[in-house]
Amino acid sequence: MVTEDNEKATLLNGYFSSVFTRDDSILPEFKRRVSDNISLEQIEFLPANILKAVKQIKNKRSLDPNGLSSGFIKKISSPLVKPLCVLFSCV
């Protein structure tokens, strides 16, 4: 039985080290899904597109971490669209 914090941390570290892969710092190849001439700065967040995306959220019975359901988010989506445009457009 281990009761000291330092010993607990050492045991936990030893376990996690034994089950995870060591990072080799080599990133896998990731093919672009858009043209080379498109960048994040060029994306325009339009209210109609955001509203469409919110309406496509699947209805779930579970709540998000803030205690909100997807149905509730859909119901209040109209007044949220403009503030979301502003937030998404901040660079």
N, C-alpha and C. Protein backbone atom coordinates (compact mmCIF):
# COMPACT_ATOMS: atom_id res chain seq x y z
N MET A 1 0.85 -1.17 0.00
CA MET A 1 0.00 0.00 0.00
C MET A 1 0.89 1.23 0.00
N VAL A 2 0.62 2.14 -0.90
CA VAL A 2 1.39 3.37 -1.01
C VAL A 2 0.53 4.51 -0.48
N THR A 3 1.10 5.30 0.42
CA THR A 3 0.33 6.40 1.03
C THR A 3 0.96 7.77 0.80
N GLU A 4 2.23 7.81 0.50
CA GLU A 4 2.91 9.10 0.29
C GLU A 4 2.66 9.62 -1.12
N ASP A 5 2.41 10.93 -1.23
CA ASP A 5 2.12 11.54 -2.53
C ASP A 5 3.23 11.32 -3.55
N ASN A 6 4.47 11.45 -3.11
CA ASN A 6 5.61 11.28 -4.01
C ASN A 6 5.66 9.85 -4.55
N GLU A 7 5.40 8.89 -3.72
CA GLU A 7 5.40 7.49 -4.14
C GLU A 7 4.23 7.22 -5.11
N LYS A 8 3.07 7.79 -4.80
CA LYS A 8 1.91 7.63 -5.68
C LYS A 8 2.22 8.19 -7.08
N ALA A 9 2.83 9.38 -7.11
CA ALA A 9 3.17 10.00 -8.38
C ALA A 9 4.16 9.14 -9.16
N THR A 10 5.13 8.58 -8.48
CA THR A 10 6.13 7.73 -9.13
C THR A 10 5.49 6.47 -9.70
N LEU A 11 4.59 5.86 -8.94
CA LEU A 11 3.90 4.66 -9.43
C LEU A 11 3.02 4.97 -10.64
N LEU A 12 2.28 6.08 -10.55
CA LEU A 12 1.42 6.47 -11.66
C LEU A 12 2.24 6.77 -12.91
N ASN A 13 3.33 7.48 -12.74
CA ASN A 13 4.21 7.81 -13.86
C ASN A 13 4.77 6.53 -14.48
N GLY A 14 5.17 5.61 -13.65
CA GLY A 14 5.70 4.34 -14.15
C GLY A 14 4.67 3.57 -14.95
N TYR A 15 3.43 3.57 -14.46
CA TYR A 15 2.38 2.85 -15.19
C TYR A 15 2.10 3.51 -16.53
N PHE A 16 1.87 4.82 -16.53
CA PHE A 16 1.57 5.51 -17.79
C PHE A 16 2.72 5.40 -18.77
N SER A 17 3.94 5.44 -18.29
CA SER A 17 5.10 5.29 -19.18
C SER A 17 5.13 3.91 -19.81
N SER A 18 4.61 2.92 -19.11
CA SER A 18 4.67 1.55 -19.63
C SER A 18 3.60 1.27 -20.68
N VAL A 19 2.51 2.03 -20.70
CA VAL A 19 1.42 1.71 -21.62
C VAL A 19 1.31 2.68 -22.81
N PHE A 20 2.02 3.79 -22.77
CA PHE A 20 1.94 4.75 -23.87
C PHE A 20 3.18 4.68 -24.74
N THR A 21 3.00 5.12 -25.98
CA THR A 21 4.10 5.13 -26.95
C THR A 21 4.92 6.40 -26.76
N ARG A 22 6.23 6.24 -26.85
CA ARG A 22 7.11 7.40 -26.74
C ARG A 22 7.02 8.21 -28.04
N ASP A 23 6.87 9.51 -27.91
CA ASP A 23 6.76 10.40 -29.06
C ASP A 23 8.10 10.46 -29.79
N ASP A 24 8.06 10.18 -31.09
CA ASP A 24 9.29 10.22 -31.89
C ASP A 24 9.44 11.55 -32.64
N SER A 25 8.53 12.48 -32.39
CA SER A 25 8.53 13.82 -33.01
C SER A 25 8.37 13.80 -34.52
N ILE A 26 7.97 12.69 -35.08
CA ILE A 26 7.73 12.59 -36.51
C ILE A 26 6.22 12.71 -36.74
N LEU A 27 5.82 13.75 -37.44
CA LEU A 27 4.41 13.96 -37.71
C LEU A 27 3.99 13.14 -38.92
N PRO A 28 2.80 12.53 -38.87
CA PRO A 28 2.32 11.77 -40.03
C PRO A 28 1.97 12.72 -41.16
N GLU A 29 2.01 12.20 -42.39
CA GLU A 29 1.65 13.02 -43.55
C GLU A 29 0.16 13.31 -43.49
N PHE A 30 -0.20 14.55 -43.72
CA PHE A 30 -1.60 14.96 -43.71
C PHE A 30 -1.88 15.69 -45.02
N LYS A 31 -2.71 15.09 -45.83
CA LYS A 31 -3.03 15.69 -47.12
C LYS A 31 -4.06 16.81 -46.93
N ARG A 32 -3.82 17.93 -47.61
CA ARG A 32 -4.74 19.06 -47.54
C ARG A 32 -6.07 18.67 -48.16
N ARG A 33 -7.14 19.16 -47.55
CA ARG A 33 -8.48 18.88 -48.06
C ARG A 33 -9.04 20.05 -48.85
N VAL A 34 -8.29 21.12 -48.89
CA VAL A 34 -8.70 22.31 -49.66
C VAL A 34 -7.53 22.73 -50.54
N SER A 35 -7.80 23.63 -51.47
CA SER A 35 -6.75 24.11 -52.36
C SER A 35 -5.65 24.82 -51.58
N ASP A 36 -4.45 24.85 -52.16
CA ASP A 36 -3.32 25.51 -51.51
C ASP A 36 -3.53 27.00 -51.34
N ASN A 37 -4.40 27.59 -52.15
CA ASN A 37 -4.60 29.03 -52.06
C ASN A 37 -5.64 29.44 -51.01
N ILE A 38 -6.15 28.48 -50.24
CA ILE A 38 -7.14 28.77 -49.20
C ILE A 38 -6.47 28.67 -47.83
N SER A 39 -6.71 29.70 -47.00
CA SER A 39 -6.18 29.68 -45.63
C SER A 39 -7.30 30.06 -44.68
N LEU A 40 -7.07 29.84 -43.41
CA LEU A 40 -8.09 30.10 -42.39
C LEU A 40 -8.53 31.56 -42.39
N GLU A 41 -7.62 32.46 -42.69
CA GLU A 41 -7.94 33.88 -42.70
C GLU A 41 -8.95 34.22 -43.79
N GLN A 42 -9.06 33.37 -44.80
CA GLN A 42 -9.96 33.64 -45.93
C GLN A 42 -11.36 33.10 -45.72
N ILE A 43 -11.59 32.36 -44.65
CA ILE A 43 -12.91 31.79 -44.41
C ILE A 43 -13.82 32.86 -43.82
N GLU A 44 -14.99 32.99 -44.42
CA GLU A 44 -15.96 33.98 -43.95
C GLU A 44 -17.09 33.24 -43.23
N PHE A 45 -17.29 33.59 -41.98
CA PHE A 45 -18.35 32.96 -41.20
C PHE A 45 -19.62 33.77 -41.36
N LEU A 46 -20.55 33.24 -42.12
CA LEU A 46 -21.80 33.92 -42.40
C LEU A 46 -22.90 33.40 -41.47
N PRO A 47 -23.79 34.30 -41.03
CA PRO A 47 -24.87 33.87 -40.13
C PRO A 47 -25.68 32.69 -40.67
N ALA A 48 -25.99 32.71 -41.95
CA ALA A 48 -26.80 31.62 -42.54
C ALA A 48 -26.07 30.28 -42.45
N ASN A 49 -24.75 30.29 -42.66
CA ASN A 49 -23.97 29.04 -42.58
C ASN A 49 -23.90 28.52 -41.15
N ILE A 50 -23.72 29.44 -40.21
CA ILE A 50 -23.65 29.02 -38.81
C ILE A 50 -25.01 28.49 -38.35
N LEU A 51 -26.08 29.15 -38.73
CA LEU A 51 -27.42 28.69 -38.38
C LEU A 51 -27.68 27.30 -38.96
N LYS A 52 -27.27 27.09 -40.19
CA LYS A 52 -27.43 25.79 -40.84
C LYS A 52 -26.66 24.71 -40.07
N ALA A 53 -25.44 25.02 -39.67
CA ALA A 53 -24.61 24.06 -38.93
C ALA A 53 -25.24 23.73 -37.57
N VAL A 54 -25.75 24.74 -36.89
CA VAL A 54 -26.38 24.50 -35.58
C VAL A 54 -27.63 23.64 -35.74
N LYS A 55 -28.40 23.90 -36.76
CA LYS A 55 -29.63 23.12 -37.00
C LYS A 55 -29.32 21.66 -37.32
N GLN A 56 -28.11 21.37 -37.81
CA GLN A 56 -27.73 19.99 -38.16
C GLN A 56 -27.17 19.20 -36.97
N ILE A 57 -27.04 19.85 -35.81
CA ILE A 57 -26.56 19.15 -34.62
C ILE A 57 -27.56 18.04 -34.28
N LYS A 58 -27.05 16.86 -34.00
CA LYS A 58 -27.92 15.74 -33.65
C LYS A 58 -28.54 15.97 -32.28
N ASN A 59 -29.81 15.59 -32.16
CA ASN A 59 -30.49 15.70 -30.87
C ASN A 59 -29.99 14.60 -29.95
N LYS A 60 -29.48 15.00 -28.81
CA LYS A 60 -28.99 14.05 -27.82
C LYS A 60 -29.73 14.29 -26.52
N ARG A 61 -29.89 13.26 -25.77
CA ARG A 61 -30.52 13.41 -24.47
C ARG A 61 -29.52 13.86 -23.42
N SER A 62 -28.25 13.59 -23.68
CA SER A 62 -27.22 13.97 -22.71
C SER A 62 -26.94 15.47 -22.81
N LEU A 63 -26.42 16.02 -21.74
CA LEU A 63 -26.11 17.43 -21.67
C LEU A 63 -24.64 17.66 -21.96
N ASP A 64 -24.31 18.86 -22.44
CA ASP A 64 -22.91 19.20 -22.65
C ASP A 64 -22.29 19.56 -21.30
N PRO A 65 -20.98 19.83 -21.25
CA PRO A 65 -20.33 20.13 -19.96
C PRO A 65 -20.93 21.33 -19.22
N ASN A 66 -21.63 22.21 -19.94
CA ASN A 66 -22.26 23.37 -19.30
C ASN A 66 -23.69 23.07 -18.86
N GLY A 67 -24.15 21.85 -19.07
CA GLY A 67 -25.50 21.48 -18.66
C GLY A 67 -26.58 21.83 -19.68
N LEU A 68 -26.18 22.08 -20.93
CA LEU A 68 -27.14 22.45 -21.97
C LEU A 68 -27.37 21.28 -22.92
N SER A 69 -28.60 21.12 -23.37
CA SER A 69 -28.90 20.05 -24.32
C SER A 69 -28.78 20.59 -25.74
N SER A 70 -28.60 19.70 -26.69
CA SER A 70 -28.51 20.13 -28.09
C SER A 70 -29.84 20.73 -28.55
N GLY A 71 -30.96 20.22 -28.04
CA GLY A 71 -32.26 20.79 -28.38
C GLY A 71 -32.39 22.23 -27.92
N PHE A 72 -31.88 22.51 -26.73
CA PHE A 72 -31.92 23.88 -26.21
C PHE A 72 -31.07 24.81 -27.06
N ILE A 73 -29.89 24.33 -27.44
CA ILE A 73 -29.00 25.13 -28.30
C ILE A 73 -29.70 25.46 -29.61
N LYS A 74 -30.39 24.48 -30.19
CA LYS A 74 -31.12 24.71 -31.44
C LYS A 74 -32.21 25.76 -31.25
N LYS A 75 -32.92 25.70 -30.12
CA LYS A 75 -34.02 26.63 -29.89
C LYS A 75 -33.54 28.07 -29.74
N ILE A 76 -32.36 28.25 -29.19
CA ILE A 76 -31.86 29.62 -28.98
C ILE A 76 -30.84 30.02 -30.04
N SER A 77 -30.74 29.26 -31.11
CA SER A 77 -29.71 29.51 -32.12
C SER A 77 -29.86 30.84 -32.84
N SER A 78 -31.07 31.26 -33.13
CA SER A 78 -31.25 32.50 -33.90
C SER A 78 -30.58 33.71 -33.25
N PRO A 79 -30.80 33.99 -31.95
CA PRO A 79 -30.13 35.16 -31.36
C PRO A 79 -28.63 34.95 -31.15
N LEU A 80 -28.17 33.70 -31.21
CA LEU A 80 -26.75 33.43 -31.00
C LEU A 80 -25.91 33.57 -32.26
N VAL A 81 -26.54 33.55 -33.42
CA VAL A 81 -25.81 33.49 -34.68
C VAL A 81 -24.85 34.67 -34.86
N LYS A 82 -25.30 35.88 -34.65
CA LYS A 82 -24.42 37.04 -34.86
C LYS A 82 -23.24 37.06 -33.88
N PRO A 83 -23.47 36.83 -32.57
CA PRO A 83 -22.30 36.77 -31.67
C PRO A 83 -21.33 35.64 -32.04
N LEU A 84 -21.85 34.51 -32.51
CA LEU A 84 -20.97 33.42 -32.93
C LEU A 84 -20.15 33.82 -34.14
N CYS A 85 -20.74 34.56 -35.07
CA CYS A 85 -19.97 35.08 -36.23
C CYS A 85 -18.81 35.93 -35.76
N VAL A 86 -19.07 36.78 -34.81
CA VAL A 86 -18.01 37.65 -34.29
C VAL A 86 -16.92 36.82 -33.63
N LEU A 87 -17.31 35.86 -32.80
CA LEU A 87 -16.32 35.02 -32.12
C LEU A 87 -15.49 34.21 -33.11
N PHE A 88 -16.13 33.57 -34.08
CA PHE A 88 -15.42 32.74 -35.03
C PHE A 88 -14.52 33.55 -35.95
N SER A 89 -14.86 34.81 -36.15
CA SER A 89 -14.10 35.65 -37.07
C SER A 89 -12.89 36.31 -36.40
N CYS A 90 -12.81 36.23 -35.08
CA CYS A 90 -11.64 36.82 -34.38
C CYS A 90 -10.39 36.03 -34.72
N VAL A 91 -9.35 36.73 -35.11
CA VAL A 91 -8.10 36.06 -35.47
C VAL A 91 -7.03 36.42 -34.48
